[in-house]
PDB file of N, CA and C in Angstrom:
ATOM      1  N   MET A   1       7.853   2.686  -1.980  1.00  0.00           N
ATOM      2  CA  MET A   1       7.528   1.335  -2.074  1.00  0.00           C
ATOM      3  C   MET A   1       6.653   0.921  -0.881  1.00  0.00           C
ATOM      4  N   ALA A   2       7.042   1.442   0.342  1.00  0.00           N
ATOM      5  CA  ALA A   2       6.247   1.091   1.516  1.00  0.00           C
ATOM      6  C   ALA A   2       4.816   1.600   1.378  1.00  0.00           C
ATOM      7  N   ALA A   3       4.597   2.800   0.817  1.00  0.00           N
ATOM      8  CA  ALA A   3       3.285   3.341   0.640  1.00  0.00           C
ATOM      9  C   ALA A   3       2.490   2.500  -0.412  1.00  0.00           C
ATOM     10  N   SER A   4       3.169   2.077  -1.436  1.00  0.00           N
ATOM     11  CA  SER A   4       2.490   1.205  -2.429  1.00  0.00           C
ATOM     12  C   SER A   4       2.100  -0.132  -1.836  1.00  0.00           C
ATOM     13  N   ALA A   5       3.027  -0.704  -1.081  1.00  0.00           N
ATOM     14  CA  ALA A   5       2.737  -2.020  -0.449  1.00  0.00           C
ATOM     15  C   ALA A   5       1.634  -1.822   0.568  1.00  0.00           C
ATOM     16  N   SER A   6       1.570  -0.745   1.282  1.00  0.00           N
ATOM     17  CA  SER A   6       0.494  -0.497   2.274  1.00  0.00           C
ATOM     18  C   SER A   6      -0.865  -0.368   1.553  1.00  0.00           C
ATOM     19  N   ARG A   7      -0.841   0.336   0.412  1.00  0.00           N
ATOM     20  CA  ARG A   7      -2.096   0.460  -0.331  1.00  0.00           C
ATOM     21  C   ARG A   7      -2.556  -0.917  -0.827  1.00  0.00           C
ATOM     22  N   ALA A   8      -1.643  -1.718  -1.318  1.00  0.00           N
ATOM     23  CA  ALA A   8      -1.996  -3.073  -1.792  1.00  0.00           C
ATOM     24  C   ALA A   8      -2.533  -3.929  -0.683  1.00  0.00           C
ATOM     25  N   ALA A   9      -1.922  -3.799   0.517  1.00  0.00           N
ATOM     26  CA  ALA A   9      -2.286  -4.638   1.657  1.00  0.00           C
ATOM     27  C   ALA A   9      -3.558  -4.108   2.332  1.00  0.00           C
ATOM     28  N   GLY A  10      -3.857  -2.851   2.124  1.00  0.00           N
ATOM     29  CA  GLY A  10      -5.022  -2.234   2.773  1.00  0.00           C
ATOM     30  C   GLY A  10      -4.767  -1.850   4.202  1.00  0.00           C
ATOM     31  N   GLU A  11      -3.494  -1.883   4.628  1.00  0.00           N
ATOM     32  CA  GLU A  11      -3.048  -1.531   5.984  1.00  0.00           C
ATOM     33  C   GLU A  11      -1.574  -1.250   5.989  1.00  0.00           C
ATOM     34  N   PRO A  12      -1.070  -0.582   6.989  1.00  0.00           N
ATOM     35  CA  PRO A  12       0.390  -0.303   7.012  1.00  0.00           C
ATOM     36  C   PRO A  12       1.210  -1.611   7.036  1.00  0.00           C
ATOM     37  N   VAL A  13       2.335  -1.609   6.336  1.00  0.00           N
ATOM     38  CA  VAL A  13       3.234  -2.758   6.322  1.00  0.00           C
ATOM     39  C   VAL A  13       4.434  -2.496   7.141  1.00  0.00           C
ATOM     40  N   ASP A  14       5.101  -3.517   7.608  1.00  0.00           N
ATOM     41  CA  ASP A  14       6.357  -3.390   8.351  1.00  0.00           C
ATOM     42  C   ASP A  14       7.517  -3.323   7.380  1.00  0.00           C
ATOM     43  N   VAL A  15       8.485  -2.483   7.675  1.00  0.00           N
ATOM     44  CA  VAL A  15       9.700  -2.362   6.913  1.00  0.00           C
ATOM     45  C   VAL A  15      10.858  -2.836   7.796  1.00  0.00           C
ATOM     46  N   LEU A  16      11.504  -3.934   7.371  1.00  0.00           N
ATOM     47  CA  LEU A  16      12.611  -4.437   8.158  1.00  0.00           C
ATOM     48  C   LEU A  16      13.863  -4.353   7.271  1.00  0.00           C
ATOM     49  N   PRO A  17      14.891  -3.666   7.780  1.00  0.00           N
ATOM     50  CA  PRO A  17      16.119  -3.460   6.980  1.00  0.00           C
ATOM     51  C   PRO A  17      17.034  -4.707   6.984  1.00  0.00           C
ATOM     52  N   MET A  18      16.535  -5.834   6.549  1.00  0.00           N
ATOM     53  CA  MET A  18      17.357  -7.055   6.582  1.00  0.00           C
ATOM     54  C   MET A  18      16.798  -8.094   5.594  1.00  0.00           C
ATOM     55  N   MET A  19      17.574  -9.037   5.276  1.00  0.00           N
ATOM     56  CA  MET A  19      17.159 -10.184   4.486  1.00  0.00           C
ATOM     57  C   MET A  19      17.959 -11.367   4.949  1.00  0.00           C
ATOM     58  N   GLY A  20      17.281 -12.426   5.256  1.00  0.00           N
ATOM     59  CA  GLY A  20      17.978 -13.589   5.760  1.00  0.00           C
ATOM     60  C   GLY A  20      18.597 -14.503   4.698  1.00  0.00           C
ATOM     61  N   ALA A  21      19.251 -15.520   5.105  1.00  0.00           N
ATOM     62  CA  ALA A  21      19.860 -16.527   4.245  1.00  0.00           C
ATOM     63  C   ALA A  21      21.022 -15.947   3.441  1.00  0.00           C
ATOM     64  N   SER A  22      21.254 -16.520   2.282  1.00  0.00           N
ATOM     65  CA  SER A  22      22.410 -16.174   1.473  1.00  0.00           C
ATOM     66  C   SER A  22      22.020 -15.369   0.242  1.00  0.00           C
ATOM     67  N   VAL A  23      21.113 -14.385   0.454  1.00  0.00           N
ATOM     68  CA  VAL A  23      20.678 -13.544  -0.607  1.00  0.00           C
ATOM     69  C   VAL A  23      21.758 -12.578  -1.001  1.00  0.00           C
ATOM     70  N   LEU A  24      22.164 -12.551  -2.258  1.00  0.00           N
ATOM     71  CA  LEU A  24      23.225 -11.689  -2.716  1.00  0.00           C
ATOM     72  C   LEU A  24      22.686 -10.421  -3.354  1.00  0.00           C
ATOM     73  N   ILE A  25      21.685  -9.838  -2.746  1.00  0.00           N
ATOM     74  CA  ILE A  25      21.023  -8.666  -3.314  1.00  0.00           C
ATOM     75  C   ILE A  25      21.962  -7.449  -3.365  1.00  0.00           C
ATOM     76  N   PHE A  26      22.982  -7.457  -2.519  1.00  0.00           N
ATOM     77  CA  PHE A  26      23.904  -6.343  -2.521  1.00  0.00           C
ATOM     78  C   PHE A  26      24.638  -6.185  -3.873  1.00  0.00           C
ATOM     79  N   LEU A  27      24.735  -7.265  -4.592  1.00  0.00           N
ATOM     80  CA  LEU A  27      25.406  -7.225  -5.920  1.00  0.00           C
ATOM     81  C   LEU A  27      24.655  -6.271  -6.859  1.00  0.00           C
ATOM     82  N   PHE A  28      23.321  -6.210  -6.783  1.00  0.00           N
ATOM     83  CA  PHE A  28      22.558  -5.353  -7.613  1.00  0.00           C
ATOM     84  C   PHE A  28      22.833  -3.891  -7.205  1.00  0.00           C
ATOM     85  N   ASP A  29      22.924  -3.615  -5.927  1.00  0.00           N
ATOM     86  CA  ASP A  29      23.255  -2.250  -5.454  1.00  0.00           C
ATOM     87  C   ASP A  29      24.627  -1.842  -5.992  1.00  0.00           C
ATOM     88  N   GLN A  30      25.584  -2.743  -5.895  1.00  0.00           N
ATOM     89  CA  GLN A  30      26.922  -2.433  -6.378  1.00  0.00           C
ATOM     90  C   GLN A  30      26.970  -2.221  -7.893  1.00  0.00           C
ATOM     91  N   ALA A  31      26.225  -2.973  -8.637  1.00  0.00           N
ATOM     92  CA  ALA A  31      26.242  -2.893 -10.066  1.00  0.00           C
ATOM     93  C   ALA A  31      25.478  -1.689 -10.584  1.00  0.00           C
ATOM     94  N   PHE A  32      24.330  -1.413 -10.005  1.00  0.00           N
ATOM     95  CA  PHE A  32      23.454  -0.385 -10.562  1.00  0.00           C
ATOM     96  C   PHE A  32      23.406   0.893  -9.777  1.00  0.00           C
ATOM     97  N   HIS A  33      24.003   0.906  -8.540  1.00  0.00           N
ATOM     98  CA  HIS A  33      24.001   2.111  -7.705  1.00  0.00           C
ATOM     99  C   HIS A  33      22.619   2.670  -7.462  1.00  0.00           C
ATOM    100  N   LYS A  34      21.660   1.747  -7.186  1.00  0.00           N
ATOM    101  CA  LYS A  34      20.263   2.109  -6.913  1.00  0.00           C
ATOM    102  C   LYS A  34      19.821   1.360  -5.678  1.00  0.00           C
ATOM    103  N   PRO A  35      18.888   1.972  -4.922  1.00  0.00           N
ATOM    104  CA  PRO A  35      18.361   1.241  -3.782  1.00  0.00           C
ATOM    105  C   PRO A  35      17.665  -0.064  -4.201  1.00  0.00           C
ATOM    106  N   VAL A  36      17.799  -1.060  -3.409  1.00  0.00           N
ATOM    107  CA  VAL A  36      17.246  -2.381  -3.684  1.00  0.00           C
ATOM    108  C   VAL A  36      16.310  -2.798  -2.546  1.00  0.00           C
ATOM    109  N   ILE A  37      15.176  -3.319  -2.901  1.00  0.00           N
ATOM    110  CA  ILE A  37      14.245  -3.799  -1.887  1.00  0.00           C
ATOM    111  C   ILE A  37      13.956  -5.304  -2.159  1.00  0.00           C
ATOM    112  N   GLY A  38      13.590  -5.972  -1.103  1.00  0.00           N
ATOM    113  CA  GLY A  38      13.132  -7.379  -1.212  1.00  0.00           C
ATOM    114  C   GLY A  38      11.757  -7.474  -0.604  1.00  0.00           C
ATOM    115  N   LEU A  39      10.883  -8.173  -1.278  1.00  0.00           N
ATOM    116  CA  LEU A  39       9.550  -8.354  -0.785  1.00  0.00           C
ATOM    117  C   LEU A  39       9.254  -9.846  -0.714  1.00  0.00           C
ATOM    118  N   PRO A  40       9.566 -10.481   0.412  1.00  0.00           N
ATOM    119  CA  PRO A  40       9.281 -11.944   0.497  1.00  0.00           C
ATOM    120  C   PRO A  40       7.803 -12.192   0.582  1.00  0.00           C
ATOM    121  N   ILE A  41       7.312 -13.236  -0.031  1.00  0.00           N
ATOM    122  CA  ILE A  41       5.912 -13.555  -0.026  1.00  0.00           C
ATOM    123  C   ILE A  41       5.661 -14.926   0.574  1.00  0.00           C
ATOM    124  N   VAL A  42       6.659 -15.514   1.197  1.00  0.00           N
ATOM    125  CA  VAL A  42       6.460 -16.853   1.821  1.00  0.00           C
ATOM    126  C   VAL A  42       5.800 -16.687   3.193  1.00  0.00           C
ATOM    127  N   ASN A  43       5.203 -17.772   3.643  1.00  0.00           N
ATOM    128  CA  ASN A  43       4.649 -17.747   4.977  1.00  0.00           C
ATOM    129  C   ASN A  43       5.792 -17.927   6.020  1.00  0.00           C
ATOM    130  N   HIS A  44       5.543 -17.423   7.222  1.00  0.00           N
ATOM    131  CA  HIS A  44       6.574 -17.407   8.241  1.00  0.00           C
ATOM    132  C   HIS A  44       7.075 -18.814   8.674  1.00  0.00           C
ATOM    133  N   ASP A  45       6.268 -19.832   8.446  1.00  0.00           N
ATOM    134  CA  ASP A  45       6.648 -21.149   8.868  1.00  0.00           C
ATOM    135  C   ASP A  45       6.916 -22.117   7.707  1.00  0.00           C
ATOM    136  N   ASN A  46       7.432 -21.597   6.600  1.00  0.00           N
ATOM    137  CA  ASN A  46       7.580 -22.384   5.416  1.00  0.00           C
ATOM    138  C   ASN A  46       8.679 -23.434   5.446  1.00  0.00           C
ATOM    139  N   ASN A  47       9.552 -23.291   6.447  1.00  0.00           N
ATOM    140  CA  ASN A  47      10.672 -24.278   6.607  1.00  0.00           C
ATOM    141  C   ASN A  47      11.485 -24.404   5.313  1.00  0.00           C
ATOM    142  N   GLN A  48      11.963 -23.273   4.821  1.00  0.00           N
ATOM    143  CA  GLN A  48      12.725 -23.260   3.549  1.00  0.00           C
ATOM    144  C   GLN A  48      13.881 -24.275   3.608  1.00  0.00           C
ATOM    145  N   HIS A  49      14.080 -24.886   2.488  1.00  0.00           N
ATOM    146  CA  HIS A  49      15.197 -25.800   2.269  1.00  0.00           C
ATOM    147  C   HIS A  49      15.181 -27.009   3.216  1.00  0.00           C
ATOM    148  N   ALA A  50      13.985 -27.477   3.527  1.00  0.00           N
ATOM    149  CA  ALA A  50      13.837 -28.698   4.345  1.00  0.00           C
ATOM    150  C   ALA A  50      12.887 -29.632   3.647  1.00  0.00           C
ATOM    151  N   ALA A  51      12.868 -30.859   4.130  1.00  0.00           N
ATOM    152  CA  ALA A  51      12.026 -31.866   3.528  1.00  0.00           C
ATOM    153  C   ALA A  51      10.535 -31.498   3.542  1.00  0.00           C
ATOM    154  N   ASN A  52      10.147 -30.691   4.539  1.00  0.00           N
ATOM    155  CA  ASN A  52       8.722 -30.350   4.652  1.00  0.00           C
ATOM    156  C   ASN A  52       8.447 -28.896   4.256  1.00  0.00           C
ATOM    157  N   GLU A  53       9.166 -28.387   3.234  1.00  0.00           N
ATOM    158  CA  GLU A  53       8.874 -27.030   2.774  1.00  0.00           C
ATOM    159  C   GLU A  53       7.395 -26.883   2.393  1.00  0.00           C
ATOM    160  N   ASN A  54       6.874 -25.726   2.587  1.00  0.00           N
ATOM    161  CA  ASN A  54       5.477 -25.485   2.163  1.00  0.00           C
ATOM    162  C   ASN A  54       5.291 -24.027   1.814  1.00  0.00           C
ATOM    163  N   ALA A  55       4.309 -23.771   1.056  1.00  0.00           N
ATOM    164  CA  ALA A  55       3.922 -22.416   0.671  1.00  0.00           C
ATOM    165  C   ALA A  55       2.430 -22.313   0.611  1.00  0.00           C
ATOM    166  N   ARG A  56       1.891 -21.264   1.116  1.00  0.00           N
ATOM    167  CA  ARG A  56       0.432 -21.047   1.101  1.00  0.00           C
ATOM    168  C   ARG A  56       0.076 -20.283  -0.151  1.00  0.00           C
ATOM    169  N   LEU A  57      -0.948 -20.776  -0.836  1.00  0.00           N
ATOM    170  CA  LEU A  57      -1.391 -20.123  -2.080  1.00  0.00           C
ATOM    171  C   LEU A  57      -1.836 -18.672  -1.860  1.00  0.00           C
ATOM    172  N   GLN A  58      -2.400 -18.384  -0.716  1.00  0.00           N
ATOM    173  CA  GLN A  58      -2.857 -17.002  -0.473  1.00  0.00           C
ATOM    174  C   GLN A  58      -1.653 -16.043  -0.372  1.00  0.00           C
ATOM    175  N   ASN A  59      -0.508 -16.559   0.103  1.00  0.00           N
ATOM    176  CA  ASN A  59       0.709 -15.721   0.143  1.00  0.00           C
ATOM    177  C   ASN A  59       1.151 -15.425  -1.307  1.00  0.00           C
ATOM    178  N   LEU A  60       1.048 -16.405  -2.191  1.00  0.00           N
ATOM    179  CA  LEU A  60       1.404 -16.173  -3.600  1.00  0.00           C
ATOM    180  C   LEU A  60       0.492 -15.131  -4.205  1.00  0.00           C
ATOM    181  N   TRP A  61      -0.811 -15.260  -4.088  1.00  0.00           N
ATOM    182  CA  TRP A  61      -1.754 -14.302  -4.680  1.00  0.00           C
ATOM    183  C   TRP A  61      -1.589 -12.918  -4.044  1.00  0.00           C
ATOM    184  N   GLY A  62      -1.419 -12.868  -2.734  1.00  0.00           N
ATOM    185  CA  GLY A  62      -1.174 -11.580  -2.093  1.00  0.00           C
ATOM    186  C   GLY A  62       0.119 -10.946  -2.571  1.00  0.00           C
ATOM    187  N   GLY A  63       1.165 -11.778  -2.773  1.00  0.00           N
ATOM    188  CA  GLY A  63       2.392 -11.243  -3.357  1.00  0.00           C
ATOM    189  C   GLY A  63       2.271 -10.740  -4.730  1.00  0.00           C
ATOM    190  N   VAL A  64       1.489 -11.439  -5.578  1.00  0.00           N
ATOM    191  CA  VAL A  64       1.222 -10.950  -6.910  1.00  0.00           C
ATOM    192  C   VAL A  64       0.558  -9.596  -6.883  1.00  0.00           C
ATOM    193  N   GLU A  65      -0.461  -9.466  -6.003  1.00  0.00           N
ATOM    194  CA  GLU A  65      -1.127  -8.163  -5.916  1.00  0.00           C
ATOM    195  C   GLU A  65      -0.233  -7.085  -5.418  1.00  0.00           C
ATOM    196  N   SER A  66       0.638  -7.371  -4.408  1.00  0.00           N
ATOM    197  CA  SER A  66       1.570  -6.381  -3.896  1.00  0.00           C
ATOM    198  C   SER A  66       2.577  -5.919  -4.992  1.00  0.00           C
ATOM    199  N   TYR A  67       3.174  -6.917  -5.661  1.00  0.00           N
ATOM    200  CA  TYR A  67       4.131  -6.576  -6.735  1.00  0.00           C
ATOM    201  C   TYR A  67       3.462  -5.780  -7.830  1.00  0.00           C
ATOM    202  N   ALA A  68       2.249  -6.134  -8.219  1.00  0.00           N
ATOM    203  CA  ALA A  68       1.511  -5.386  -9.276  1.00  0.00           C
ATOM    204  C   ALA A  68       1.276  -3.963  -8.847  1.00  0.00           C
ATOM    205  N   ALA A  69       0.827  -3.788  -7.567  1.00  0.00           N
ATOM    206  CA  ALA A  69       0.577  -2.421  -7.091  1.00  0.00           C
ATOM    207  C   ALA A  69       1.825  -1.550  -7.086  1.00  0.00           C
ATOM    208  N   MET A  70       2.909  -2.158  -6.662  1.00  0.00           N
ATOM    209  CA  MET A  70       4.192  -1.380  -6.601  1.00  0.00           C
ATOM    210  C   MET A  70       4.691  -1.085  -8.043  1.00  0.00           C
ATOM    211  N   MET A  71       4.576  -2.048  -8.912  1.00  0.00           N
ATOM    212  CA  MET A  71       4.995  -1.824 -10.305  1.00  0.00           C
ATOM    213  C   MET A  71       4.142  -0.726 -10.945  1.00  0.00           C
ATOM    214  N   ALA A  72       2.864  -0.709 -10.643  1.00  0.00           N
ATOM    215  CA  ALA A  72       1.992   0.331 -11.197  1.00  0.00           C
ATOM    216  C   ALA A  72       2.307   1.727 -10.698  1.00  0.00           C
ATOM    217  N   ASP A  73       2.841   1.812  -9.464  1.00  0.00           N
ATOM    218  CA  ASP A  73       3.204   3.084  -8.905  1.00  0.00           C
ATOM    219  C   ASP A  73       4.571   3.655  -9.373  1.00  0.00           C
ATOM    220  N   LEU A  74       5.354   2.813 -10.073  1.00  0.00           N
ATOM    221  CA  LEU A  74       6.663   3.277 -10.500  1.00  0.00           C
ATOM    222  C   LEU A  74       6.572   4.351 -11.576  1.00  0.00           C
ATOM    223  N   SER A  75       7.525   5.234 -11.581  1.00  0.00           N
ATOM    224  CA  SER A  75       7.639   6.258 -12.597  1.00  0.00           C
ATOM    225  C   SER A  75       8.617   5.751 -13.653  1.00  0.00           C
ATOM    226  N   TRP A  76       8.131   5.047 -14.645  1.00  0.00           N
ATOM    227  CA  TRP A  76       9.014   4.450 -15.655  1.00  0.00           C
ATOM    228  C   TRP A  76       9.503   5.534 -16.532  1.00  0.00           C
TER     229      TRP A  76
END
């Protein structure tokens, strides 16, 4: 996944073994016994869950490209 994301980004990506907030992604690991990844596409200053939340459209389009590249690399 990191290689696919790097190809989509056109440069190496950072891999951080964490996810903030109250994401219950571990439930998928427990249910399916498969590795789980999260690929956030929000901007670093989006102020989630506040009155002034914001999202940059370029982050959305970049995220769509990243997800598409990774899905295309999967061995279905």
